Amino acid sequence: MIYEFTFENYRSYRNEATIDFTAKPINEFENSLVRINDEESLLPVCAIYGPNGGGKSSVIMALNELRFIVLQPLLQLAFMKKKNEELGDTSINQLKESLTDKNTVASYYKFDEECKDKPTKYNILFQVDKYKYRYEFGTKNDNIIVENLYMENNKTVEAVFERDEEGVYLCEELEGIDIENINESLPLLSYIAMFKNIPVIDRAISFFMQIKVLNYDKPNVDRRILVDRIENDKSRICNVIQSMGIDICDINVEYNEDGSIDEIYTIHELSSGEKRILRLSEESGGTKKIISIIPILLSGIEKNCLFLIDELDAKLHPLLLRKIIELFTNRETNSGTAQLLFTSHDLITMSKDVLRRDEIWFSAINGYDESVLYSLVDFRKESGSKPRNDENYSKQYVEGRYGADPYFRKLVNWEVAD
């Protein structure tokens, strides 16, 4: 479970920005919350809205960047040692596929020359089992300048390790680990996990392993993995798809003699009771997206995953988007701790009937040419008052009242001078 994620000097964000999944004390959809204890609850969903170029995607990318930094050394070692017995062929392929979109260009804030010589920092608070972790990581010119891991158990916080440019501190459980040969660009968290089976480290790594990044701007999901998910849970997948108003009652797969996938077919049950078959390639873009995403979401929700999805609304009708959100906010379908962080331009779901005020976030460029990130529940109007839960959020957003105006404030003069 994620509590909060903070980053700075990353892409369009010069200063520190935080996305917070901690539920605020407001009386909205309380039954949807992930209950930690009598004092703490987490949000199942956070949705980020804002104009194009406002920094929405950068929030997703920053968290995925930290995930990549931690997991890439483990993935490389898994392939080198062919540790298929530990991760399994499918899991390795999934990790490899999801880590290929890492941004290889320096990601510091480019509109201030001084930021080139400043570190990019990440700070994440999360929980695995009953243990709460805080992981701090800072890098500059591909070298790690700070890396700290803290763990809280029974309200007592202890340092697992601390690392800076001067040296490394290891807790008693990690004493004796040879860190003499660790290079300046390799995370200590990853290094220990590669060579030692230590519960306090393995739990932290498992959090990053259960982060799922879905990118439908560049759909590159392995067909074999998708088909395996469909065939292992076909009945439930089709039931969920039908509950969204799509008349697909079955999905069939044909294989070649060598076991490779020849074709995927969808079976539609018409209002007359007749059934018609289509190739998956003949379906609309929205239907193909639903068929691709639902098996992954259902599997991940069962495993209490954290999903990161940029522009989740792309190619989807607003009611379909709402149904996907409800997979996480409905405690019957999400009885565990699965969470969803997504970006969107869809205004219909920016509603008090779909999301809590603390689940609605905005990202926009301020007067200093940098992105800022803030939630609706923390926003203050010019009068100093907070938005009420009976307001029309989308209408006020379009009017620019939340500071993240989605439209051009002025038009460009397209006339060419003589």
Protein backbone atom coordinates (compact mmCIF):
# COMPACT_ATOMS: atom_id res chain seq x y z
CA MET A 1 0.00 0.00 0.00
CA ILE A 2 1.23 3.47 -0.79
CA TYR A 3 0.75 6.35 1.63
CA GLU A 4 2.50 9.13 -0.27
CA PHE A 5 5.10 9.82 -2.92
CA THR A 6 7.22 12.97 -3.09
CA PHE A 7 9.68 14.05 -5.78
CA GLU A 8 11.51 17.17 -6.91
CA ASN A 9 13.67 18.46 -9.77
CA TYR A 10 12.01 16.05 -12.17
CA ARG A 11 10.82 17.07 -15.64
CA SER A 12 8.40 20.02 -15.28
CA TYR A 13 8.60 19.95 -11.47
CA ARG A 14 11.37 22.12 -10.08
CA ASN A 15 10.19 22.13 -6.47
CA GLU A 16 8.91 19.34 -4.26
CA ALA A 17 5.56 17.78 -5.18
CA THR A 18 3.58 15.13 -3.28
CA ILE A 19 0.73 12.80 -4.22
CA ASP A 20 -0.95 11.70 -0.99
CA PHE A 21 -3.13 8.59 -0.62
CA THR A 22 -3.90 9.27 3.04
CA ALA A 23 -7.66 9.71 3.48
CA LYS A 24 -8.67 13.07 4.91
CA PRO A 25 -11.40 13.34 7.60
CA ILE A 26 -14.28 14.02 5.22
CA ASN A 27 -17.62 12.23 5.09
CA GLU A 28 -17.51 10.95 1.52
CA PHE A 29 -17.50 7.31 0.36
CA GLU A 30 -16.09 6.16 3.68
CA ASN A 31 -16.95 2.56 2.83
CA SER A 32 -14.57 2.67 -0.14
CA LEU A 33 -11.47 3.37 1.94
CA VAL A 34 -8.64 0.93 2.61
CA ARG A 35 -8.71 0.59 6.39
CA ILE A 36 -5.28 0.28 8.02
CA ASN A 37 -6.34 0.63 11.63
CA ASP A 38 -8.74 2.66 13.73
CA GLU A 39 -6.70 5.79 13.07
CA GLU A 40 -5.55 5.43 9.46
CA SER A 41 -7.28 4.87 6.13
CA LEU A 42 -5.90 5.06 2.61
CA LEU A 43 -7.53 6.06 -0.64
CA PRO A 44 -8.10 3.31 -3.21
CA VAL A 45 -7.85 5.85 -6.07
CA CYS A 46 -6.17 9.14 -6.93
CA ALA A 47 -7.02 10.87 -10.23
CA ILE A 48 -4.89 13.70 -11.64
CA TYR A 49 -6.46 16.31 -13.95
CA GLY A 50 -4.96 19.30 -15.70
CA PRO A 51 -4.05 20.84 -19.05
CA ASN A 52 -1.79 19.23 -21.62
CA GLY A 53 1.79 20.00 -20.63
CA GLY A 54 0.73 20.67 -17.05
CA GLY A 55 2.72 17.81 -15.52
CA LYS A 56 0.11 15.07 -15.01
CA SER A 57 2.13 12.36 -16.75
CA SER A 58 5.29 13.44 -14.92
CA VAL A 59 3.82 12.26 -11.62
CA ILE A 60 3.30 8.78 -13.07
CA MET A 61 6.70 8.86 -14.72
CA ALA A 62 8.50 9.91 -11.53
CA LEU A 63 7.11 6.99 -9.55
CA ASN A 64 7.83 4.63 -12.43
CA GLU A 65 11.37 6.03 -12.62
CA LEU A 66 12.01 5.15 -8.98
CA ARG A 67 10.53 1.70 -9.58
CA PHE A 68 12.84 1.24 -12.56
CA ILE A 69 15.90 2.33 -10.55
CA VAL A 70 15.16 -0.24 -7.85
CA LEU A 71 14.08 -3.20 -10.01
CA GLN A 72 16.32 -2.96 -13.08
CA PRO A 73 19.42 -4.42 -11.35
CA LEU A 74 17.34 -7.34 -10.09
CA LEU A 75 15.91 -7.96 -13.53
CA GLN A 76 19.34 -7.94 -15.11
CA LEU A 77 20.62 -10.41 -12.56
CA ALA A 78 17.59 -12.65 -13.06
CA PHE A 79 18.35 -12.92 -16.75
CA MET A 80 22.07 -13.36 -16.20
CA LYS A 81 21.56 -16.18 -13.73
CA LYS A 82 18.42 -17.50 -15.40
CA LYS A 83 16.68 -17.49 -12.06
CA ASN A 84 13.46 -18.70 -13.63
CA GLU A 85 12.78 -20.91 -10.65
CA GLU A 86 12.45 -17.79 -8.46
CA LEU A 87 10.61 -15.33 -10.68
CA GLY A 88 9.20 -17.61 -13.36
CA ASP A 89 9.39 -17.00 -17.11
CA THR A 90 6.09 -15.12 -17.21
CA SER A 91 6.97 -12.83 -14.29
CA ILE A 92 10.36 -12.04 -15.78
CA ASN A 93 8.78 -11.20 -19.13
CA GLN A 94 6.21 -8.99 -17.43
CA LEU A 95 8.91 -7.12 -15.54
CA LYS A 96 11.07 -6.77 -18.65
CA GLU A 97 8.13 -5.50 -20.69
CA SER A 98 7.03 -2.97 -18.08
CA LEU A 99 10.53 -1.60 -17.51
CA THR A 100 11.39 -0.95 -21.17
CA ASP A 101 9.77 2.50 -21.30
CA LYS A 102 12.17 4.08 -18.81
CA ASN A 103 13.16 7.61 -19.74
CA THR A 104 16.85 7.52 -20.72
CA VAL A 105 17.18 11.31 -21.08
CA ALA A 106 18.31 13.31 -18.04
CA SER A 107 15.10 14.16 -16.23
CA TYR A 108 15.99 17.24 -14.22
CA TYR A 109 13.99 20.48 -14.56
CA LYS A 110 15.29 22.00 -17.82
CA PHE A 111 14.01 25.58 -17.52
CA ASP A 112 16.55 26.51 -14.85
CA GLU A 113 20.25 25.96 -15.61
CA GLU A 114 21.03 25.58 -11.91
CA CYS A 115 18.84 22.47 -11.70
CA LYS A 116 21.32 20.56 -13.87
CA ASP A 117 23.69 20.51 -10.90
CA LYS A 118 21.01 19.73 -8.34
CA PRO A 119 19.86 16.21 -7.42
CA THR A 120 16.60 14.65 -8.46
CA LYS A 121 15.01 13.33 -5.28
CA TYR A 122 12.35 10.73 -4.52
CA ASN A 123 10.69 9.93 -1.20
CA ILE A 124 8.05 7.24 -0.81
CA LEU A 125 6.10 6.01 2.20
CA PHE A 126 4.50 2.56 1.85
CA GLN A 127 3.43 -0.46 3.84
CA VAL A 128 4.01 -4.19 3.37
CA ASP A 129 2.20 -6.51 5.76
CA LYS A 130 2.27 -4.70 9.11
CA TYR A 131 5.53 -2.89 8.39
CA LYS A 132 5.63 0.73 7.19
CA TYR A 133 8.66 1.84 5.16
CA ARG A 134 10.08 5.16 4.04
CA TYR A 135 12.56 5.03 1.18
CA GLU A 136 14.53 8.17 0.26
CA PHE A 137 16.61 8.32 -2.88
CA GLY A 138 18.57 11.13 -4.55
CA THR A 139 20.64 11.02 -7.71
CA LYS A 140 22.74 13.52 -9.66
CA ASN A 141 24.57 12.80 -12.91
CA ASP A 142 23.67 9.09 -12.50
CA ASN A 143 25.42 8.93 -9.12
CA ILE A 144 23.53 8.25 -5.91
CA ILE A 145 24.05 11.04 -3.39
CA VAL A 146 21.56 9.87 -0.77
CA GLU A 147 19.69 6.62 -0.12
CA ASN A 148 17.91 5.84 3.13
CA LEU A 149 15.52 3.10 4.18
CA TYR A 150 13.52 3.35 7.41
CA MET A 151 11.02 0.88 8.84
CA GLU A 152 8.26 1.41 11.38
CA ASN A 153 6.92 -1.45 13.46
CA ASN A 154 4.63 -0.94 16.47
CA LYS A 155 5.09 2.84 16.06
CA THR A 156 8.85 2.56 16.46
CA VAL A 157 10.91 3.86 13.51
CA GLU A 158 14.35 2.38 12.88
CA ALA A 159 16.95 3.02 10.22
CA VAL A 160 17.52 -0.08 8.08
CA PHE A 161 20.35 1.68 6.26
CA GLU A 162 21.51 5.22 5.53
CA ARG A 163 23.77 6.20 2.68
CA ASP A 164 25.29 9.47 1.52
CA GLU A 165 28.43 10.61 -0.24
CA GLU A 166 30.40 10.21 3.00
CA GLY A 167 29.56 6.59 3.72
CA VAL A 168 26.99 3.94 4.64
CA TYR A 169 25.31 2.95 7.91
CA LEU A 170 23.83 -0.55 8.20
CA CYS A 171 21.49 -1.75 10.93
CA GLU A 172 22.42 -4.78 13.04
CA GLU A 173 20.47 -7.15 10.78
CA LEU A 174 22.57 -6.07 7.80
CA GLU A 175 25.95 -6.03 9.52
CA GLY A 176 28.50 -8.19 7.77
CA ILE A 177 27.22 -7.49 4.26
CA ASP A 178 30.13 -6.66 1.97
CA ILE A 179 29.43 -3.27 0.43
CA GLU A 180 33.01 -2.44 -0.50
CA ASN A 181 32.43 -3.11 -4.20
CA ILE A 182 29.10 -1.32 -4.62
CA ASN A 183 29.33 1.39 -7.25
CA GLU A 184 27.93 4.91 -7.01
CA SER A 185 25.05 4.25 -9.40
CA LEU A 186 23.72 1.00 -7.87
CA PRO A 187 20.99 1.31 -5.21
CA LEU A 188 21.97 -0.34 -1.94
CA LEU A 189 18.41 -1.67 -1.64
CA SER A 190 18.80 -3.51 -4.95
CA TYR A 191 22.35 -4.63 -4.20
CA ILE A 192 21.41 -6.36 -0.94
CA ALA A 193 18.31 -7.93 -2.48
CA MET A 194 20.37 -9.40 -5.33
CA PHE A 195 22.66 -11.42 -3.08
CA LYS A 196 20.94 -11.87 0.28
CA ASN A 197 17.55 -13.14 1.46
CA ILE A 198 16.82 -10.72 4.28
CA PRO A 199 13.14 -10.19 5.18
CA VAL A 200 13.42 -6.49 5.96
CA ILE A 201 14.86 -5.90 2.47
CA ASP A 202 12.73 -8.44 0.61
CA ARG A 203 9.53 -6.86 1.93
CA ALA A 204 10.59 -3.45 0.63
CA ILE A 205 11.49 -4.91 -2.77
CA SER A 206 8.12 -6.71 -2.93
CA PHE A 207 6.35 -3.34 -2.84
CA PHE A 208 8.11 -2.18 -6.00
CA MET A 209 7.48 -5.56 -7.61
CA GLN A 210 3.71 -5.17 -7.20
CA ILE A 211 3.56 -1.79 -8.95
CA LYS A 212 1.93 -2.28 -12.36
CA VAL A 213 2.40 0.36 -15.06
CA LEU A 214 -0.06 0.26 -17.96
CA ASN A 215 0.78 2.41 -20.95
CA TYR A 216 -1.84 2.53 -23.69
CA ASP A 217 -0.10 5.33 -25.53
CA LYS A 218 2.35 2.62 -26.61
CA PRO A 219 0.48 -0.67 -26.15
CA ASN A 220 3.12 -3.36 -26.03
CA VAL A 221 1.54 -5.99 -23.80
CA ASP A 222 2.76 -9.50 -24.52
CA ARG A 223 -0.10 -11.45 -26.21
CA ARG A 224 0.91 -14.68 -24.51
CA ILE A 225 0.64 -13.12 -21.04
CA LEU A 226 -2.72 -11.55 -21.91
CA VAL A 227 -4.13 -14.81 -23.25
CA ASP A 228 -2.95 -16.74 -20.18
CA ARG A 229 -4.81 -14.29 -17.96
CA ILE A 230 -7.96 -14.48 -20.07
CA GLU A 231 -8.05 -18.27 -20.20
CA ASN A 232 -7.37 -18.64 -16.47
CA ASP A 233 -10.26 -16.35 -15.49
CA LYS A 234 -12.45 -16.17 -18.60
CA SER A 235 -15.85 -16.41 -16.93
CA ARG A 236 -15.24 -13.55 -14.49
CA ILE A 237 -13.57 -11.40 -17.15
CA CYS A 238 -16.54 -11.81 -19.49
CA ASN A 239 -18.98 -11.07 -16.64
CA VAL A 240 -17.17 -7.82 -15.86
CA ILE A 241 -17.07 -6.84 -19.54
CA GLN A 242 -20.81 -7.56 -19.89
CA SER A 243 -21.53 -5.50 -16.75
CA MET A 244 -20.03 -2.56 -18.66
CA GLY A 245 -22.68 -2.91 -21.37
CA ILE A 246 -20.48 -4.71 -23.90
CA ASP A 247 -22.23 -7.78 -25.36
CA ILE A 248 -19.15 -10.05 -25.43
CA CYS A 249 -20.11 -13.38 -23.83
CA ASP A 250 -16.95 -15.34 -24.62
CA ILE A 251 -13.38 -15.00 -25.87
CA ASN A 252 -11.73 -17.83 -27.80
CA VAL A 253 -8.12 -18.33 -28.79
CA GLU A 254 -6.86 -20.38 -31.74
CA TYR A 255 -3.30 -21.72 -31.68
CA ASN A 256 -0.83 -22.76 -34.36
CA GLU A 257 0.72 -26.22 -34.34
CA ASP A 258 3.80 -24.89 -32.54
CA GLY A 259 1.63 -23.51 -29.71
CA SER A 260 1.89 -19.89 -30.77
CA ILE A 261 -1.27 -17.76 -30.91
CA ASP A 262 -2.91 -17.65 -34.32
CA GLU A 263 -5.99 -15.53 -33.62
CA ILE A 264 -8.14 -14.20 -30.76
CA TYR A 265 -11.91 -14.13 -31.32
CA THR A 266 -14.69 -12.37 -29.43
CA ILE A 267 -18.19 -13.88 -29.32
CA HIS A 268 -21.05 -11.36 -29.19
CA GLU A 269 -24.52 -12.30 -27.99
CA LEU A 270 -27.01 -10.10 -29.84
CA SER A 271 -30.35 -8.90 -28.47
CA SER A 272 -32.04 -11.57 -30.64
CA GLY A 273 -30.10 -14.28 -28.83
CA GLU A 274 -27.93 -15.00 -31.85
CA LYS A 275 -24.17 -15.13 -31.49
CA ARG A 276 -21.65 -13.55 -33.84
CA ILE A 277 -17.88 -13.93 -33.94
CA LEU A 278 -15.33 -11.18 -34.58
CA ARG A 279 -11.56 -11.16 -34.67
CA LEU A 280 -10.12 -9.09 -31.85
CA SER A 281 -8.47 -6.92 -34.51
CA GLU A 282 -11.95 -6.05 -35.84
CA GLU A 283 -13.14 -4.62 -32.51
CA SER A 284 -13.15 -0.90 -31.78
CA GLY A 285 -10.17 0.67 -30.07
CA GLY A 286 -12.15 1.10 -26.88
CA THR A 287 -13.31 -2.53 -26.80
CA LYS A 288 -9.78 -3.78 -27.44
CA LYS A 289 -8.56 -1.62 -24.58
CA ILE A 290 -11.22 -3.02 -22.23
CA ILE A 291 -10.35 -6.61 -23.20
CA SER A 292 -6.65 -5.85 -22.63
CA ILE A 293 -7.03 -4.02 -19.34
CA ILE A 294 -9.71 -5.98 -17.45
CA PRO A 295 -7.74 -9.25 -17.09
CA ILE A 296 -4.72 -7.30 -15.82
CA LEU A 297 -6.77 -5.25 -13.37
CA LEU A 298 -8.68 -8.22 -11.95
CA SER A 299 -5.48 -10.21 -11.48
CA GLY A 300 -3.69 -7.23 -9.92
CA ILE A 301 -6.55 -6.36 -7.58
CA GLU A 302 -6.43 -9.90 -6.20
CA LYS A 303 -2.69 -9.45 -5.59
CA ASN A 304 -3.14 -6.00 -3.95
CA CYS A 305 -1.17 -4.20 -6.65
CA LEU A 306 -0.68 -0.48 -7.16
CA PHE A 307 -1.59 0.51 -10.75
CA LEU A 308 -0.15 3.53 -12.55
CA ILE A 309 -2.09 4.42 -15.71
CA ASP A 310 -1.55 7.52 -17.81
CA GLU A 311 -4.65 8.83 -19.64
CA LEU A 312 -6.85 5.98 -18.49
CA ASP A 313 -9.84 7.62 -20.19
CA ALA A 314 -8.32 7.46 -23.70
CA LYS A 315 -10.71 5.63 -26.08
CA LEU A 316 -13.14 4.90 -23.24
CA HIS A 317 -16.71 6.09 -22.79
CA PRO A 318 -17.04 7.96 -19.44
CA LEU A 319 -19.33 5.24 -18.08
CA LEU A 320 -16.68 2.60 -18.85
CA LEU A 321 -14.09 4.73 -17.07
CA ARG A 322 -16.41 4.97 -14.09
CA LYS A 323 -16.80 1.18 -14.04
CA ILE A 324 -13.02 0.77 -13.97
CA ILE A 325 -12.73 3.21 -11.07
CA GLU A 326 -15.45 1.28 -9.23
CA LEU A 327 -13.38 -1.91 -9.46
CA PHE A 328 -11.10 -0.22 -6.91
CA THR A 329 -13.60 1.79 -4.86
CA ASN A 330 -16.10 -1.06 -4.45
CA ARG A 331 -15.05 -3.12 -1.42
CA GLU A 332 -16.73 -6.20 -2.89
CA THR A 333 -14.42 -6.24 -5.91
CA ASN A 334 -11.46 -4.74 -4.05
CA SER A 335 -11.61 -6.33 -0.63
CA GLY A 336 -7.84 -6.01 -0.18
CA THR A 337 -5.44 -3.10 -0.60
CA ALA A 338 -5.20 -2.57 -4.37
CA GLN A 339 -4.82 1.08 -5.41
CA LEU A 340 -4.98 3.08 -8.63
CA LEU A 341 -3.19 6.28 -9.64
CA PHE A 342 -4.26 7.61 -13.04
CA THR A 343 -4.38 10.75 -15.15
CA SER A 344 -7.44 11.85 -17.09
CA HIS A 345 -9.13 14.61 -19.07
CA ASP A 346 -12.60 13.16 -18.54
CA LEU A 347 -14.80 15.69 -16.73
CA ILE A 348 -17.83 13.44 -16.19
CA THR A 349 -15.97 11.34 -13.65
CA MET A 350 -14.68 14.48 -11.89
CA SER A 351 -17.80 14.30 -9.79
CA LYS A 352 -18.91 14.01 -6.19
CA ASP A 353 -20.82 10.90 -7.30
CA VAL A 354 -17.62 9.12 -8.37
CA LEU A 355 -14.66 10.47 -6.40
CA ARG A 356 -13.94 11.96 -3.00
CA ARG A 357 -12.46 15.46 -2.88
CA ASP A 358 -9.14 14.07 -1.63
CA GLU A 359 -9.08 11.67 -4.61
CA ILE A 360 -9.21 14.54 -7.13
CA TRP A 361 -5.83 16.12 -7.89
CA PHE A 362 -4.68 18.87 -10.24
CA SER A 363 -1.37 19.46 -11.97
CA ALA A 364 -0.71 22.75 -13.72
CA ILE A 365 2.00 25.24 -14.63
CA ASN A 366 2.29 28.16 -12.21
CA GLY A 367 3.51 31.69 -12.88
CA TYR A 368 7.13 30.54 -12.66
CA ASP A 369 6.96 28.01 -15.52
CA GLU A 370 6.97 24.98 -13.24
CA SER A 371 4.37 22.34 -12.43
CA VAL A 372 2.55 22.27 -9.12
CA LEU A 373 0.47 19.40 -7.73
CA TYR A 374 -2.43 19.80 -5.30
CA SER A 375 -5.68 18.11 -4.29
CA LEU A 376 -9.20 19.49 -4.46
CA VAL A 377 -9.71 19.01 -0.73
CA ASP A 378 -6.70 21.22 0.06
CA PHE A 379 -7.48 23.91 -2.53
CA ARG A 380 -8.40 27.38 -1.29
CA LYS A 381 -10.58 29.73 -3.31
CA GLU A 382 -9.88 33.45 -3.52
CA SER A 383 -12.22 33.89 -0.56
CA GLY A 384 -10.10 31.43 1.44
CA SER A 385 -12.87 28.80 1.58
CA LYS A 386 -12.53 25.15 0.50
CA PRO A 387 -14.62 23.58 -2.28
CA ARG A 388 -17.74 21.97 -0.79
CA ASN A 389 -18.83 18.42 -1.56
CA ASP A 390 -22.09 19.65 -3.12
CA GLU A 391 -20.37 21.74 -5.81
CA ASN A 392 -20.12 20.92 -9.51
CA TYR A 393 -16.39 20.16 -9.64
CA SER A 394 -16.10 19.75 -13.40
CA LYS A 395 -17.97 23.00 -14.12
CA GLN A 396 -15.75 24.99 -11.79
CA TYR A 397 -12.67 23.29 -13.21
CA VAL A 398 -13.62 24.31 -16.76
CA GLU A 399 -14.15 27.86 -15.52
CA GLY A 400 -10.58 27.86 -14.22
CA ARG A 401 -11.59 28.21 -10.58
CA TYR A 402 -9.22 25.51 -9.38
CA GLY A 403 -6.13 27.03 -10.95
CA ALA A 404 -5.64 24.28 -13.53
CA ASP A 405 -7.42 25.83 -16.51
CA PRO A 406 -7.72 23.09 -19.16
CA TYR A 407 -8.17 25.52 -22.05
CA PHE A 408 -6.09 28.16 -23.81
CA ARG A 409 -6.31 31.56 -22.15
CA LYS A 410 -5.56 33.22 -25.47
CA LEU A 411 -5.44 32.14 -29.10
CA VAL A 412 -2.36 32.30 -31.25
CA ASN A 413 -2.53 34.70 -34.22
CA TRP A 414 -2.17 32.29 -37.11
CA GLU A 415 -1.94 34.98 -39.81
CA VAL A 416 1.34 35.12 -41.63
CA ALA A 417 2.77 38.62 -42.08
CA ASP A 418 3.27 39.82 -45.62
